[in-house]
């Protein structure tokens, strides 16, 4: 996968984070502001680090890999917690985000080896 294709994937991932956070905020039962802030903030972090990575800023590779890994682990942890608490709709959303995050994380790590 080329550098620009991975960058487009990162932008798409950021859009997914921001959109999901906004939709959960708007249509969720409790209008959780953390979903809105987390989705838009997480998306902004991915875009910003992706721009730095594309410009070949030295520290951006480990920073972006760390951010993607933390997002992945966070979504896995929060989905397990939601399923254990009986919140199956929340768990399903978080599990979906975990799967998407894991995919982006693996693609990015594979690209780092090249």
N, C-alpha and C. Protein backbone atom coordinates (compact mmCIF):
# COMPACT_ATOMS: atom_id res chain seq x y z
N UNK A 1 0.85 -1.18 0.00
CA UNK A 1 0.00 0.00 0.00
C UNK A 1 0.89 1.24 0.00
N UNK A 2 0.59 2.19 -0.84
CA UNK A 2 1.43 3.38 -0.95
C UNK A 2 1.19 4.33 0.22
N UNK A 3 2.09 5.25 0.35
CA UNK A 3 2.00 6.25 1.42
C UNK A 3 0.71 7.04 1.31
N UNK A 4 0.34 7.45 0.12
CA UNK A 4 -0.88 8.24 -0.03
C UNK A 4 -2.13 7.41 0.23
N UNK A 5 -2.10 6.12 -0.08
CA UNK A 5 -3.25 5.26 0.21
C UNK A 5 -3.43 5.08 1.71
N UNK A 6 -2.33 4.92 2.43
CA UNK A 6 -2.41 4.81 3.89
C UNK A 6 -2.89 6.13 4.49
N UNK A 7 -2.42 7.25 3.94
CA UNK A 7 -2.87 8.55 4.42
C UNK A 7 -4.37 8.72 4.21
N UNK A 8 -4.88 8.30 3.05
CA UNK A 8 -6.32 8.37 2.80
C UNK A 8 -7.08 7.47 3.77
N UNK A 9 -6.51 6.31 4.09
CA UNK A 9 -7.13 5.42 5.08
C UNK A 9 -7.19 6.11 6.45
N UNK A 10 -6.13 6.80 6.82
CA UNK A 10 -6.12 7.53 8.10
C UNK A 10 -7.18 8.63 8.12
N UNK A 11 -7.33 9.34 7.01
CA UNK A 11 -8.36 10.39 6.93
C UNK A 11 -9.75 9.75 7.03
N UNK A 12 -9.95 8.65 6.35
CA UNK A 12 -11.22 7.93 6.44
C UNK A 12 -11.51 7.46 7.86
N UNK A 13 -10.49 6.97 8.54
CA UNK A 13 -10.63 6.54 9.92
C UNK A 13 -11.01 7.71 10.81
N UNK A 14 -10.39 8.86 10.59
CA UNK A 14 -10.72 10.05 11.37
C UNK A 14 -12.17 10.46 11.15
N UNK A 15 -12.63 10.35 9.91
CA UNK A 15 -14.03 10.68 9.60
C UNK A 15 -14.96 9.70 10.31
N UNK A 16 -14.61 8.42 10.33
CA UNK A 16 -15.42 7.42 11.03
C UNK A 16 -15.49 7.76 12.52
N UNK A 17 -14.37 8.11 13.14
CA UNK A 17 -14.36 8.46 14.56
C UNK A 17 -15.25 9.67 14.83
N UNK A 18 -15.09 10.71 14.04
CA UNK A 18 -15.86 11.94 14.25
C UNK A 18 -17.35 11.71 14.00
N UNK A 19 -17.67 10.98 12.94
CA UNK A 19 -19.07 10.70 12.62
C UNK A 19 -19.73 9.85 13.68
N UNK A 20 -19.06 8.81 14.11
CA UNK A 20 -19.62 7.93 15.13
C UNK A 20 -19.82 8.69 16.44
N UNK A 21 -18.82 9.47 16.83
CA UNK A 21 -18.96 10.27 18.05
C UNK A 21 -20.13 11.23 17.99
N UNK A 22 -20.30 11.87 16.85
CA UNK A 22 -21.40 12.82 16.67
C UNK A 22 -22.75 12.10 16.69
N UNK A 23 -22.85 10.97 15.99
CA UNK A 23 -24.11 10.23 15.95
C UNK A 23 -24.48 9.67 17.32
N UNK A 24 -23.50 9.16 18.05
CA UNK A 24 -23.78 8.64 19.39
C UNK A 24 -24.25 9.77 20.30
N UNK A 25 -23.62 10.92 20.14
CA UNK A 25 -24.04 12.08 20.95
C UNK A 25 -25.47 12.50 20.60
N UNK A 26 -25.77 12.58 19.31
CA UNK A 26 -27.08 13.07 18.88
C UNK A 26 -28.21 12.07 19.16
N UNK A 27 -27.94 10.79 18.94
CA UNK A 27 -29.00 9.79 19.03
C UNK A 27 -28.90 8.87 20.24
N UNK A 28 -27.85 9.03 21.04
CA UNK A 28 -27.70 8.19 22.22
C UNK A 28 -28.71 8.55 23.31
N UNK A 29 -28.91 7.63 24.21
CA UNK A 29 -29.89 7.84 25.28
C UNK A 29 -29.50 8.97 26.23
N UNK A 30 -28.21 9.07 26.50
CA UNK A 30 -27.77 10.04 27.50
C UNK A 30 -27.06 11.25 26.90
N UNK A 31 -27.01 11.34 25.59
CA UNK A 31 -26.31 12.43 24.91
C UNK A 31 -24.93 12.63 25.51
N UNK A 32 -24.17 11.56 25.52
CA UNK A 32 -22.85 11.56 26.15
C UNK A 32 -21.90 12.53 25.45
N UNK A 33 -21.55 13.63 26.12
CA UNK A 33 -20.63 14.58 25.48
C UNK A 33 -19.24 13.99 25.27
N UNK A 34 -18.88 12.97 26.04
CA UNK A 34 -17.57 12.36 25.86
C UNK A 34 -17.47 11.67 24.50
N UNK A 35 -18.59 11.18 23.98
CA UNK A 35 -18.58 10.57 22.65
C UNK A 35 -18.29 11.62 21.59
N UNK A 36 -18.89 12.78 21.74
CA UNK A 36 -18.67 13.86 20.78
C UNK A 36 -17.24 14.37 20.86
N UNK A 37 -16.79 14.66 22.06
CA UNK A 37 -15.42 15.17 22.25
C UNK A 37 -14.39 14.12 21.84
N UNK A 38 -14.61 12.88 22.25
CA UNK A 38 -13.68 11.80 21.92
C UNK A 38 -13.63 11.51 20.43
N UNK A 39 -14.77 11.50 19.78
CA UNK A 39 -14.80 11.22 18.35
C UNK A 39 -14.14 12.31 17.53
N UNK A 40 -14.52 13.55 17.81
CA UNK A 40 -13.93 14.66 17.06
C UNK A 40 -12.47 14.87 17.45
N UNK A 41 -12.18 14.77 18.74
CA UNK A 41 -10.80 14.94 19.19
C UNK A 41 -9.89 13.83 18.69
N UNK A 42 -10.37 12.59 18.76
CA UNK A 42 -9.58 11.47 18.26
C UNK A 42 -9.34 11.57 16.77
N UNK A 43 -10.38 11.97 16.04
CA UNK A 43 -10.23 12.16 14.60
C UNK A 43 -9.23 13.25 14.28
N UNK A 44 -9.28 14.34 15.04
CA UNK A 44 -8.34 15.45 14.81
C UNK A 44 -6.91 15.03 15.10
N UNK A 45 -6.72 14.23 16.14
CA UNK A 45 -5.37 13.74 16.47
C UNK A 45 -4.83 12.87 15.33
N UNK A 46 -5.66 11.98 14.83
CA UNK A 46 -5.23 11.10 13.73
C UNK A 46 -4.88 11.91 12.49
N UNK A 47 -5.70 12.91 12.16
CA UNK A 47 -5.42 13.74 10.98
C UNK A 47 -4.12 14.51 11.17
N UNK A 48 -3.96 15.13 12.33
CA UNK A 48 -2.75 15.93 12.59
C UNK A 48 -1.50 15.06 12.54
N UNK A 49 -1.53 13.91 13.21
CA UNK A 49 -0.37 13.02 13.19
C UNK A 49 -0.14 12.44 11.79
N UNK A 50 -1.24 12.20 11.06
CA UNK A 50 -1.11 11.72 9.69
C UNK A 50 -0.43 12.74 8.78
N UNK A 51 -0.76 14.00 8.97
CA UNK A 51 -0.11 15.06 8.20
C UNK A 51 1.38 15.11 8.51
N UNK A 52 1.71 15.05 9.79
CA UNK A 52 3.13 15.04 10.18
C UNK A 52 3.84 13.82 9.60
N UNK A 53 3.18 12.67 9.62
CA UNK A 53 3.78 11.44 9.10
C UNK A 53 4.01 11.56 7.59
N UNK A 54 3.04 12.13 6.90
CA UNK A 54 3.19 12.28 5.45
C UNK A 54 4.31 13.26 5.10
N UNK A 55 4.55 14.23 5.97
CA UNK A 55 5.65 15.17 5.76
C UNK A 55 6.98 14.62 6.30
N UNK A 56 6.94 13.37 6.75
CA UNK A 56 8.12 12.65 7.22
C UNK A 56 8.78 13.29 8.44
N UNK A 57 7.96 13.80 9.34
CA UNK A 57 8.47 14.30 10.62
C UNK A 57 8.88 13.08 11.44
N UNK A 58 10.09 13.10 11.96
CA UNK A 58 10.71 11.93 12.57
C UNK A 58 9.87 11.27 13.67
N UNK A 59 9.34 12.06 14.59
CA UNK A 59 8.63 11.51 15.74
C UNK A 59 7.20 11.10 15.43
N UNK A 60 6.72 11.40 14.23
CA UNK A 60 5.31 11.16 13.93
C UNK A 60 4.96 9.68 13.77
N UNK A 61 5.91 8.86 13.29
CA UNK A 61 5.62 7.43 13.13
C UNK A 61 5.29 6.77 14.46
N UNK A 62 6.19 6.87 15.47
CA UNK A 62 5.84 6.23 16.74
C UNK A 62 4.63 6.87 17.42
N UNK A 63 4.46 8.18 17.24
CA UNK A 63 3.30 8.84 17.85
C UNK A 63 2.00 8.34 17.23
N UNK A 64 1.97 8.21 15.92
CA UNK A 64 0.76 7.74 15.24
C UNK A 64 0.50 6.27 15.56
N UNK A 65 1.54 5.45 15.57
CA UNK A 65 1.38 4.04 15.92
C UNK A 65 0.85 3.90 17.35
N UNK A 66 1.37 4.71 18.25
CA UNK A 66 0.92 4.67 19.65
C UNK A 66 -0.54 5.09 19.76
N UNK A 67 -0.90 6.18 19.08
CA UNK A 67 -2.28 6.65 19.13
C UNK A 67 -3.24 5.60 18.59
N UNK A 68 -2.90 5.00 17.45
CA UNK A 68 -3.77 3.98 16.87
C UNK A 68 -3.88 2.77 17.79
N UNK A 69 -2.77 2.38 18.41
CA UNK A 69 -2.80 1.26 19.35
C UNK A 69 -3.65 1.55 20.57
N UNK A 70 -3.53 2.77 21.09
CA UNK A 70 -4.32 3.15 22.27
C UNK A 70 -5.80 3.19 21.91
N UNK A 71 -6.15 3.73 20.74
CA UNK A 71 -7.55 3.74 20.33
C UNK A 71 -8.08 2.32 20.22
N UNK A 72 -7.31 1.44 19.62
CA UNK A 72 -7.73 0.05 19.45
C UNK A 72 -7.97 -0.62 20.80
N UNK A 73 -6.99 -0.52 21.68
CA UNK A 73 -7.13 -1.14 23.00
C UNK A 73 -8.27 -0.52 23.80
N UNK A 74 -8.45 0.77 23.67
CA UNK A 74 -9.52 1.45 24.38
C UNK A 74 -10.90 0.97 23.92
N UNK A 75 -11.06 0.84 22.61
CA UNK A 75 -12.35 0.37 22.09
C UNK A 75 -12.61 -1.08 22.48
N UNK A 76 -11.57 -1.91 22.47
CA UNK A 76 -11.73 -3.31 22.90
C UNK A 76 -12.16 -3.36 24.36
N UNK A 77 -11.43 -2.64 25.20
CA UNK A 77 -11.72 -2.62 26.64
C UNK A 77 -13.13 -2.10 26.92
N UNK A 78 -13.49 -0.99 26.28
CA UNK A 78 -14.79 -0.39 26.53
C UNK A 78 -15.93 -1.25 25.98
N UNK A 79 -15.69 -1.97 24.88
CA UNK A 79 -16.75 -2.84 24.36
C UNK A 79 -16.97 -4.04 25.27
N UNK A 80 -15.89 -4.62 25.77
CA UNK A 80 -16.03 -5.74 26.72
C UNK A 80 -16.76 -5.27 27.97
N UNK A 81 -16.40 -4.10 28.45
CA UNK A 81 -17.05 -3.54 29.64
C UNK A 81 -18.55 -3.30 29.38
N UNK A 82 -18.89 -2.80 28.20
CA UNK A 82 -20.29 -2.54 27.87
C UNK A 82 -21.08 -3.83 27.76
N UNK A 83 -20.51 -4.84 27.09
CA UNK A 83 -21.19 -6.12 26.98
C UNK A 83 -21.38 -6.76 28.34
N UNK A 84 -20.37 -6.66 29.20
CA UNK A 84 -20.47 -7.23 30.55
C UNK A 84 -21.54 -6.52 31.38
N UNK A 85 -21.74 -5.24 31.12
CA UNK A 85 -22.75 -4.48 31.85
C UNK A 85 -24.14 -4.57 31.25
N UNK A 86 -24.30 -5.30 30.17
CA UNK A 86 -25.60 -5.49 29.56
C UNK A 86 -25.99 -4.42 28.54
N UNK A 87 -25.09 -3.52 28.23
CA UNK A 87 -25.38 -2.47 27.24
C UNK A 87 -24.94 -2.98 25.86
N UNK A 88 -25.78 -3.80 25.26
CA UNK A 88 -25.40 -4.48 24.03
C UNK A 88 -25.32 -3.54 22.83
N UNK A 89 -26.16 -2.52 22.80
CA UNK A 89 -26.08 -1.57 21.68
C UNK A 89 -24.78 -0.77 21.74
N UNK A 90 -24.42 -0.31 22.91
CA UNK A 90 -23.16 0.40 23.10
C UNK A 90 -21.98 -0.52 22.82
N UNK A 91 -22.06 -1.75 23.31
CA UNK A 91 -21.00 -2.73 23.08
C UNK A 91 -20.80 -3.01 21.61
N UNK A 92 -21.89 -3.09 20.86
CA UNK A 92 -21.79 -3.36 19.41
C UNK A 92 -21.11 -2.20 18.69
N UNK A 93 -21.46 -0.97 19.05
CA UNK A 93 -20.82 0.20 18.42
C UNK A 93 -19.33 0.20 18.75
N UNK A 94 -19.00 -0.01 20.01
CA UNK A 94 -17.59 0.00 20.42
C UNK A 94 -16.81 -1.16 19.82
N UNK A 95 -17.44 -2.32 19.70
CA UNK A 95 -16.77 -3.47 19.07
C UNK A 95 -16.51 -3.19 17.60
N UNK A 96 -17.46 -2.54 16.93
CA UNK A 96 -17.25 -2.16 15.53
C UNK A 96 -16.08 -1.19 15.39
N UNK A 97 -16.02 -0.22 16.28
CA UNK A 97 -14.90 0.73 16.26
C UNK A 97 -13.58 0.02 16.57
N UNK A 98 -13.62 -0.98 17.43
CA UNK A 98 -12.41 -1.75 17.74
C UNK A 98 -11.91 -2.50 16.51
N UNK A 99 -12.82 -3.08 15.76
CA UNK A 99 -12.44 -3.82 14.55
C UNK A 99 -11.85 -2.87 13.50
N UNK A 100 -12.49 -1.74 13.30
CA UNK A 100 -11.99 -0.75 12.33
C UNK A 100 -10.62 -0.24 12.79
N UNK A 101 -10.49 0.05 14.08
CA UNK A 101 -9.22 0.55 14.62
C UNK A 101 -8.11 -0.47 14.47
N UNK A 102 -8.42 -1.73 14.73
CA UNK A 102 -7.42 -2.78 14.59
C UNK A 102 -6.96 -2.90 13.14
N UNK A 103 -7.88 -2.83 12.21
CA UNK A 103 -7.53 -2.89 10.79
C UNK A 103 -6.59 -1.74 10.41
N UNK A 104 -6.94 -0.52 10.80
CA UNK A 104 -6.11 0.64 10.47
C UNK A 104 -4.74 0.51 11.13
N UNK A 105 -4.72 0.06 12.36
CA UNK A 105 -3.47 -0.12 13.11
C UNK A 105 -2.55 -1.13 12.42
N UNK A 106 -3.11 -2.26 12.00
CA UNK A 106 -2.31 -3.30 11.33
C UNK A 106 -1.81 -2.80 9.98
N UNK A 107 -2.67 -2.14 9.21
CA UNK A 107 -2.23 -1.60 7.92
C UNK A 107 -1.10 -0.60 8.13
N UNK A 108 -1.21 0.26 9.12
CA UNK A 108 -0.16 1.24 9.39
C UNK A 108 1.14 0.55 9.80
N UNK A 109 1.05 -0.46 10.65
CA UNK A 109 2.27 -1.16 11.08
C UNK A 109 2.93 -1.89 9.92
N UNK A 110 2.15 -2.49 9.05
CA UNK A 110 2.70 -3.16 7.87
C UNK A 110 3.40 -2.13 6.98
N UNK A 111 2.80 -0.97 6.84
CA UNK A 111 3.40 0.10 6.01
C UNK A 111 4.70 0.59 6.63
N UNK A 112 4.80 0.58 7.95
CA UNK A 112 6.02 1.03 8.61
C UNK A 112 7.22 0.14 8.28
N UNK A 113 6.96 -1.12 8.03
CA UNK A 113 8.06 -2.05 7.73
C UNK A 113 8.66 -1.81 6.36
N UNK A 114 7.92 -1.15 5.49
CA UNK A 114 8.42 -0.93 4.11
C UNK A 114 9.29 0.29 4.05
